[in-house]
Amino acid sequence: MERKSAAGSIRNKERSKKKFLDAVGKILKTKGYAALKINDIAATAGVDKKMIYTYFGGMDGLMDEYIRSQDFWSNATPDETMLNLNDGGKLLTEAMLLAQFDYVHSNKELQKVLLWRLSESRKSLKKLTDLQEENGENLFKFIADPYFKEHAQDFRAISAILVSGLYYLNLYASVNGSVFCGIDINTAEGREKIKKAVSFLVDKTYENL
């Protein structure tokens, strides 16, 4: 009986933790990060707010766990067929940029987190930033830098503009408008134009650097 009781207690704890994490995601998608208050999270989860401290040690711990549970950056990865590095990572770079563009567009929770990251300083959000930078550094250090050599910093600078630009277009289109430079980012036709431009810029970067 004691073993069964212990196992049931663990299952209840995991269910309650998942309810809190799901509640964070739901509030982010519907109301934004400003609405992430302990009382609102507990009410949405249907679990006593004291359990946030018991399970996560408080709001920071809950936010850390939420961000870890989403594993945002691993989802914006290209197909394995793109991992041929004989071209200095050209196809990989293009595939990663296009995958990121589509993933941010489709993930409303990530959009809210990215906006939150720009608006408030939190340890959990800093960790998200550090993980993103770490993943990007692997591409630069082991693939692009050896290929571009003395022009490696130029490639990094161009990549920074492309990555930040794609983030901004998605966030812009999801908040206050969808037309940017006459292109409707929320239409399939408009997004295809952006993707073709990304491919063009990557191609010209590799061609000219």
Foldseek 3Di string as FASTA:
>chain_A
DVVVVVVVVVVVLVLLLVLLLVLCLVCCLPPFPVPPDLVSSCVSSVHPSVVCCVPQVDDLSSLLVSVVVPVLQVQLAADPVQPDQPLLCLSRLLSSLLSVLVSLLVRSNVLRLVVVLVPDDGPSSVVVVVVVVVVVVCSLVVGNCVVCPVCSVVVVVLSVCSNVVSSVQSSCLVPPHQADPNARCPDPVSVVVSSVVSSVVSVVVSVPD
